[in-house]
Every structure is written in C-alpha cells, then in structure tokens.
Amino acid sequence: MKYINDIDFKMDNTCVGFGDFDGVHSGHRAVIDKLREVSVRGLTSVVLSFEYDEPLLEGKKILATEAEKRYLLEKNGPDVMVSYKVNAGNKDIPVIGFIGEVLIGRLGAKVIVSGSDSKYIGVLRECASIYGYTLVECETVLYESGPVTAGRITQEMEAGRLQKANEMLGHPYLIIGEVLHGKARGRTVGMPTANIGYPSYKQLPEHGVYGTLSDIGGKVVKGLTNIGRRPSDDNFDYVSVEAFLLDFSDDIYGKTITLEIHVHIRGVIKFNNLEEVKLQVNKDIVSIRAFLDKY
C-alpha cells in the first residue's frame, strides 16, 4: 500500500473510500472491502483519512492515529492511503466544496464508497449528479442491534468492556508508540518494562493490567501491560503504558513498537513494595500465557 500524507498531488481514475476511519472498525472494514471489490474494474483504490492538527483535538480522544490506521490498512487494504491534514485554515470548508476540490479535483474520484449511515451521505448523493461520479453505499454494520461506531467503541473501552470493544473493532485495540526511558525500577526485581509513548489525544482503555502482543521489528512478543497510574511506585498523576515483555531482552529504547491489547486481566492495585508487585505479576503471567498462545 502506498502512503501519502501530502494532498498537493494529482490522481486520476480512482475509487475513493470516504470517512474518518477512526479505529478502522468493522463498519470501516465493510467500506474498504466494497472499495476493493469495486476497484477491480480498473480503478485505483484509495482510502482518504483525516489527520487533525493537535489544537483541533483539544478535549477530544481518537481511537487510532494515522500510523495506527496505516498499520491496520496494510493488510487487505487499498492501493493508496491518503492522510488529509485538517488545520485551522481548512477545517470549515463546506462539504460540497471539499468533494469538488479534493475528491474530484485532487484524487480524481470516479467512484466514491461510503457507509449509508454517514452523516455526509445526503450531500454525497446530491453531488454525484453534479460531479458525475458513482456513489456506492454500504449497509450499516450492526453489533448487538446497534450500529458500530467509534463512539460506541469508546464507551465500551471506558466502561472496562474490552472484549466488546474489540469485537466491534474486528481486531485487538492498538497502541503504536516509541519506547521511552523510564525510571527502570522494574529492572531491580527482574521485570524490565517498555514504557510506550502515546499522544495526549489517544483513547486508552480503562486503567488496569492487560495481556498484550507486541510487534517488534516483525517479531511477535507476549506481554503483560499496565495502563494507568503507578500507585505502588510513585504518587505522580500521569498515566503510563508499560509493557513487561515476556522472554525478551533486546534493547529497544527509541524504537517504535505496536502493542495489541487482547484481554483485561485485573484492575490497578496498590502494593506495599516491588516484591509484592513481582509476586502478583508472576501470577498474572501464568494466567495469560495460554490465552495469548491462541494468537
């Protein structure tokens, strides 16, 4: 898949999947599958995503960064992914103008694929006759009698129902970030952890301990990951994502890793000392090894 993060280019004869694709959930996957099906007719399949400047996301959370979307789209995705940068200067462009200027003028869309429940479906239908493209609509994907949306997935994650969130996503929840230097106290008891950086606008699951799989340079590594504050280690208010990688000892500081969050194990517990932490972690490891073997 080709990746483009600069809209200053021209394409022609494309089939464009339209939406924000936040989380690349099962509803988005239906649009992508239809996009690939339609583009077999000789068109270049393109997913258009929106990358918002950080000030525009103040007070908001997203399920997937552009890097995470790209990772999820690489497998069985489109020919091209375009990240369209949204900033203070272009955030208020009317939808009709955006369709004409970007989808038609820049991307050369002959076919546009969208979910039938998109908030823009009305204007997409209206503009089809104006600009001469074919609009292909996908049926709404349902989960427990309701439409799959980023909002519903966020609610399930915040409520601690990771399994339901992952079922709506159609894949394990992802965090992609750089491994940062931490306090390294875990090393003193034989439990070195990878402290993974993440942007402030990234939605995190409910605080707790999770069974995870990490993609590190193409190698899959099982792990036990704590998401939240660290009451047993310090009284700081910041939230960290720290993965104890099992059977792994490489130096990965400064490297970017992909963390798949598969299962919630327990909530955050305050222990009296690091030895108590180690005893609990060893119990947690026993409980997740067999589970993660399935993946």
Protein backbone atom coordinates (compact mmCIF):
# COMPACT_ATOMS: atom_id res chain seq x y z
CA MET A 1 0.00 0.00 0.00
CA LYS A 2 1.31 3.42 -0.94
CA TYR A 3 1.02 6.06 1.79
CA ILE A 4 0.62 9.78 1.04
CA ASN A 5 0.46 12.47 3.73
CA ASP A 6 0.60 15.46 1.40
CA ILE A 7 -2.54 16.45 -0.53
CA ASP A 8 -0.51 18.55 -3.02
CA PHE A 9 -0.68 15.95 -5.78
CA LYS A 10 -2.99 14.78 -8.55
CA MET A 11 -4.50 11.36 -9.16
CA ASP A 12 -6.94 10.07 -11.75
CA ASN A 13 -9.34 7.15 -12.23
CA THR A 14 -9.74 6.30 -8.56
CA CYS A 15 -12.31 4.68 -6.32
CA VAL A 16 -12.29 6.55 -3.00
CA GLY A 17 -13.45 5.30 0.39
CA PHE A 18 -14.80 8.32 2.27
CA GLY A 19 -14.88 8.60 6.07
CA ASP A 20 -12.71 9.37 9.06
CA PHE A 21 -11.80 5.67 9.58
CA ASP A 22 -11.11 6.30 13.27
CA GLY A 23 -10.23 2.90 14.70
CA VAL A 24 -10.64 1.16 11.33
CA HIS A 25 -13.52 -0.77 12.91
CA SER A 26 -15.76 -3.41 11.34
CA GLY A 27 -18.01 -0.77 9.78
CA HIS A 28 -15.00 0.82 8.11
CA ARG A 29 -13.81 -2.62 7.01
CA ALA A 30 -17.11 -3.11 5.14
CA VAL A 31 -16.43 0.13 3.23
CA ILE A 32 -12.84 -0.98 2.50
CA ASP A 33 -13.95 -4.42 1.31
CA LYS A 34 -16.51 -2.85 -1.02
CA LEU A 35 -13.87 -0.37 -2.20
CA ARG A 36 -11.51 -3.20 -3.15
CA GLU A 37 -14.34 -5.08 -4.87
CA VAL A 38 -15.37 -2.09 -6.98
CA SER A 39 -11.80 -1.02 -7.83
CA VAL A 40 -11.17 -4.37 -9.56
CA ARG A 41 -12.78 -2.71 -12.56
CA GLY A 42 -9.52 -0.88 -13.30
CA LEU A 43 -9.64 1.91 -10.74
CA THR A 44 -7.02 2.70 -8.10
CA SER A 45 -8.50 2.10 -4.64
CA VAL A 46 -7.90 4.97 -2.22
CA VAL A 47 -8.79 5.42 1.45
CA LEU A 48 -8.97 9.07 2.42
CA SER A 49 -8.31 9.63 6.12
CA PHE A 50 -8.29 12.85 8.12
CA GLU A 51 -5.32 13.90 10.24
CA TYR A 52 -6.28 16.71 12.61
CA ASP A 53 -3.82 19.26 13.96
CA GLU A 54 -3.40 18.69 17.69
CA PRO A 55 -5.04 22.01 18.73
CA LEU A 56 -8.24 20.89 16.97
CA LEU A 57 -8.29 17.73 19.12
CA GLU A 58 -8.11 19.54 22.44
CA GLY A 59 -10.53 17.82 24.82
CA LYS A 60 -11.18 15.02 22.30
CA LYS A 61 -9.89 11.46 22.02
CA ILE A 62 -9.30 9.32 18.95
CA LEU A 63 -9.16 5.53 18.60
CA ALA A 64 -6.39 5.45 16.00
CA THR A 65 -3.55 7.71 14.98
CA GLU A 66 -2.60 7.89 11.32
CA ALA A 67 0.27 5.46 12.00
CA GLU A 68 -2.18 3.00 13.56
CA LYS A 69 -4.63 3.36 10.67
CA ARG A 70 -1.79 2.72 8.26
CA TYR A 71 -0.76 -0.42 10.17
CA LEU A 72 -4.33 -1.75 10.10
CA LEU A 73 -4.83 -0.95 6.41
CA GLU A 74 -1.59 -2.55 5.21
CA LYS A 75 -3.19 -5.99 5.27
CA ASN A 76 -6.05 -6.41 2.76
CA GLY A 77 -6.30 -2.67 2.38
CA PRO A 78 -6.46 -0.22 -0.52
CA ASP A 79 -3.81 0.57 -3.12
CA VAL A 80 -3.27 4.00 -1.55
CA MET A 81 -3.93 5.63 1.84
CA VAL A 82 -4.06 9.42 1.90
CA SER A 83 -3.85 11.36 5.18
CA TYR A 84 -5.55 14.70 4.57
CA LYS A 85 -4.30 17.27 7.07
CA VAL A 86 -7.09 19.27 8.72
CA ASN A 87 -6.00 22.55 10.30
CA ALA A 88 -7.45 25.89 11.36
CA GLY A 89 -7.23 27.15 7.79
CA ASN A 90 -9.27 24.41 6.08
CA LYS A 91 -11.43 22.90 8.84
CA ASP A 92 -14.50 24.91 7.85
CA ILE A 93 -14.53 24.17 4.12
CA PRO A 94 -18.10 23.22 3.07
CA VAL A 95 -18.57 19.53 2.28
CA ILE A 96 -19.68 20.29 -1.28
CA GLY A 97 -16.50 22.31 -1.81
CA PHE A 98 -14.38 19.54 -0.31
CA ILE A 99 -15.91 16.94 -2.61
CA GLY A 100 -15.22 19.07 -5.66
CA GLU A 101 -11.78 20.32 -4.68
CA VAL A 102 -10.29 17.23 -3.06
CA LEU A 103 -12.22 14.08 -4.01
CA ILE A 104 -12.74 15.08 -7.62
CA GLY A 105 -10.05 17.71 -8.26
CA ARG A 106 -7.14 16.10 -6.43
CA LEU A 107 -8.00 12.41 -6.14
CA GLY A 108 -9.79 12.07 -9.48
CA ALA A 109 -12.63 10.01 -7.99
CA LYS A 110 -14.83 8.18 -10.49
CA VAL A 111 -16.48 6.15 -7.72
CA ILE A 112 -16.97 7.09 -4.06
CA VAL A 113 -17.74 4.41 -1.48
CA SER A 114 -19.37 5.38 1.83
CA GLY A 115 -21.42 3.89 4.61
CA SER A 116 -25.15 4.51 4.17
CA ASP A 117 -25.26 5.89 7.74
CA SER A 118 -22.55 8.51 7.14
CA LYS A 119 -23.57 11.99 8.27
CA TYR A 120 -22.48 13.17 4.82
CA ILE A 121 -24.43 10.61 2.78
CA GLY A 122 -27.05 13.18 1.77
CA VAL A 123 -24.57 15.60 0.26
CA LEU A 124 -22.63 12.73 -1.36
CA ARG A 125 -25.85 11.67 -3.12
CA GLU A 126 -26.57 15.23 -4.18
CA CYS A 127 -23.06 15.81 -5.56
CA ALA A 128 -22.99 12.57 -7.54
CA SER A 129 -25.08 14.17 -10.29
CA ILE A 130 -23.21 17.47 -10.04
CA TYR A 131 -19.72 16.00 -10.42
CA GLY A 132 -20.57 12.83 -12.35
CA TYR A 133 -19.18 10.18 -10.01
CA THR A 134 -20.87 6.93 -8.99
CA LEU A 135 -21.80 6.63 -5.32
CA VAL A 136 -21.67 3.12 -3.82
CA GLU A 137 -23.31 2.79 -0.39
CA CYS A 138 -22.50 0.10 2.16
CA GLU A 139 -25.07 -1.26 4.57
CA THR A 140 -24.65 -0.36 8.22
CA VAL A 141 -22.72 -2.96 10.24
CA LEU A 142 -24.59 -3.84 13.44
CA TYR A 143 -23.42 -5.13 16.79
CA GLU A 144 -26.00 -6.16 19.40
CA SER A 145 -28.75 -4.47 17.34
CA GLY A 146 -26.97 -1.12 17.13
CA PRO A 147 -24.64 0.39 14.51
CA VAL A 148 -20.91 0.02 15.05
CA THR A 149 -19.46 3.48 15.69
CA ALA A 150 -16.29 4.92 17.16
CA GLY A 151 -18.41 6.46 19.91
CA ARG A 152 -19.82 3.09 21.00
CA ILE A 153 -16.37 1.51 20.97
CA THR A 154 -15.02 4.33 23.14
CA GLN A 155 -17.86 3.88 25.64
CA GLU A 156 -17.19 0.15 25.93
CA MET A 157 -13.48 0.74 26.49
CA GLU A 158 -14.06 3.37 29.15
CA ALA A 159 -16.51 1.03 30.90
CA GLY A 160 -13.89 -1.73 31.00
CA ARG A 161 -15.56 -3.93 28.40
CA LEU A 162 -12.53 -4.50 26.19
CA GLN A 163 -13.89 -7.70 24.65
CA LYS A 164 -16.96 -5.91 23.29
CA ALA A 165 -14.82 -3.04 22.02
CA ASN A 166 -12.50 -5.47 20.23
CA GLU A 167 -15.45 -7.35 18.73
CA MET A 168 -16.80 -4.11 17.24
CA LEU A 169 -13.34 -3.13 16.04
CA GLY A 170 -12.82 -6.52 14.42
CA HIS A 171 -9.24 -6.54 15.72
CA PRO A 172 -7.40 -6.01 19.02
CA TYR A 173 -7.13 -2.39 20.13
CA LEU A 174 -3.78 -0.90 19.10
CA ILE A 175 -1.25 1.46 20.56
CA ILE A 176 1.76 2.32 18.41
CA GLY A 177 4.46 4.35 20.10
CA GLU A 178 8.12 4.89 20.78
CA VAL A 179 9.80 3.11 23.69
CA LEU A 180 10.88 5.82 26.14
CA HIS A 181 13.31 5.80 29.04
CA GLY A 182 11.55 5.43 32.37
CA LYS A 183 12.69 5.07 35.97
CA ALA A 184 13.98 1.49 35.33
CA ARG A 185 12.90 0.34 38.79
CA GLY A 186 11.44 -2.87 37.35
CA ARG A 187 14.92 -3.99 36.35
CA THR A 188 15.91 -4.16 40.02
CA VAL A 189 13.47 -7.07 40.55
CA GLY A 190 13.97 -8.73 37.18
CA MET A 191 10.92 -7.16 35.48
CA PRO A 192 12.16 -4.62 32.93
CA THR A 193 9.30 -2.85 31.18
CA ALA A 194 8.97 -0.94 27.92
CA ASN A 195 7.50 2.50 28.60
CA ILE A 196 5.49 3.29 25.46
CA GLY A 197 4.83 6.89 24.49
CA TYR A 198 1.42 7.93 23.18
CA PRO A 199 -0.19 11.26 22.19
CA SER A 200 -2.43 13.04 24.68
CA TYR A 201 -5.43 12.66 22.37
CA LYS A 202 -5.12 8.85 22.16
CA GLN A 203 -8.02 6.99 23.79
CA LEU A 204 -6.79 4.49 26.38
CA PRO A 205 -8.72 1.53 27.79
CA GLU A 206 -9.89 1.59 31.39
CA HIS A 207 -6.87 1.61 33.68
CA GLY A 208 -5.70 -1.88 34.51
CA VAL A 209 -3.42 -4.76 33.56
CA TYR A 210 -3.78 -6.41 30.15
CA GLY A 211 -2.47 -9.38 28.20
CA THR A 212 -0.84 -7.98 25.07
CA LEU A 213 1.10 -8.94 21.97
CA SER A 214 3.79 -6.63 20.61
CA ASP A 215 5.05 -6.39 17.05
CA ILE A 216 8.74 -5.51 17.43
CA GLY A 217 10.52 -5.43 14.10
CA GLY A 218 8.30 -8.22 12.79
CA LYS A 219 8.74 -10.37 15.90
CA VAL A 220 5.63 -11.10 17.98
CA VAL A 221 6.26 -10.87 21.73
CA LYS A 222 3.83 -11.72 24.52
CA GLY A 223 3.49 -9.21 27.30
CA LEU A 224 1.80 -8.03 30.45
CA THR A 225 0.93 -4.35 30.14
CA ASN A 226 -0.07 -1.89 32.84
CA ILE A 227 -2.13 1.08 31.66
CA GLY A 228 -2.73 3.77 34.26
CA ARG A 229 -1.04 5.40 37.21
CA ARG A 230 1.54 3.56 39.31
CA PRO A 231 0.38 3.70 42.94
CA SER A 232 2.94 1.11 44.04
CA ASP A 233 5.85 3.05 42.52
CA ASP A 234 5.10 6.76 42.90
CA ASN A 235 2.32 9.26 43.54
CA PHE A 236 2.57 11.02 40.19
CA ASP A 237 -0.65 11.80 38.37
CA TYR A 238 0.45 10.86 34.87
CA VAL A 239 -0.84 7.78 33.05
CA SER A 240 1.74 5.40 31.61
CA VAL A 241 1.63 2.43 29.26
CA GLU A 242 4.26 -0.04 30.46
CA ALA A 243 4.71 -3.46 28.87
CA PHE A 244 6.61 -6.26 30.58
CA LEU A 245 7.74 -8.24 27.53
CA LEU A 246 8.00 -11.97 28.19
CA ASP A 247 11.05 -13.95 27.07
CA PHE A 248 12.55 -10.82 25.52
CA SER A 249 15.70 -8.89 26.42
CA ASP A 250 16.68 -6.78 23.39
CA ASP A 251 17.48 -3.08 23.77
CA ILE A 252 14.52 -1.31 22.14
CA TYR A 253 14.82 2.22 23.56
CA GLY A 254 13.91 4.72 20.86
CA LYS A 255 12.26 2.09 18.68
CA THR A 256 8.60 2.14 17.69
CA ILE A 257 6.54 -0.90 18.65
CA THR A 258 2.96 -1.96 18.00
CA LEU A 259 1.00 -3.11 21.04
CA GLU A 260 -2.15 -5.23 20.55
CA ILE A 261 -4.37 -5.23 23.65
CA HIS A 262 -6.11 -8.62 23.80
CA VAL A 263 -7.51 -9.21 27.26
CA HIS A 264 -8.16 -7.38 30.53
CA ILE A 265 -6.66 -9.24 33.49
CA ARG A 266 -7.30 -7.06 36.53
CA GLY A 267 -7.52 -3.52 37.80
CA VAL A 268 -4.64 -1.45 39.14
CA ILE A 269 -3.67 -2.49 42.66
CA LYS A 270 -1.52 -0.61 45.19
CA PHE A 271 1.14 -2.92 46.62
CA ASN A 272 3.39 -2.24 49.61
CA ASN A 273 6.66 -2.87 47.76
CA LEU A 274 8.13 -4.10 44.48
CA GLU A 275 8.48 -7.65 45.79
CA GLU A 276 4.70 -7.84 46.19
CA VAL A 277 4.36 -6.47 42.66
CA LYS A 278 6.67 -9.21 41.38
CA LEU A 279 4.64 -11.97 43.09
CA GLN A 280 1.39 -10.70 41.53
CA VAL A 281 2.96 -10.25 38.10
CA ASN A 282 4.20 -13.84 38.13
CA LYS A 283 0.62 -14.99 38.83
CA ASP A 284 -0.67 -12.78 36.00
CA ILE A 285 1.88 -14.21 33.58
CA VAL A 286 0.73 -17.77 34.27
CA SER A 287 -2.87 -16.76 33.56
CA ILE A 288 -2.15 -15.09 30.21
CA ARG A 289 0.43 -17.34 28.57
CA ALA A 290 -2.09 -19.98 27.47
CA PHE A 291 -4.57 -17.30 26.36
CA LEU A 292 -2.03 -15.48 24.20
CA ASP A 293 -0.82 -18.75 22.66
CA LYS A 294 -4.07 -18.78 20.67
CA TYR A 295 -2.93 -15.73 18.73
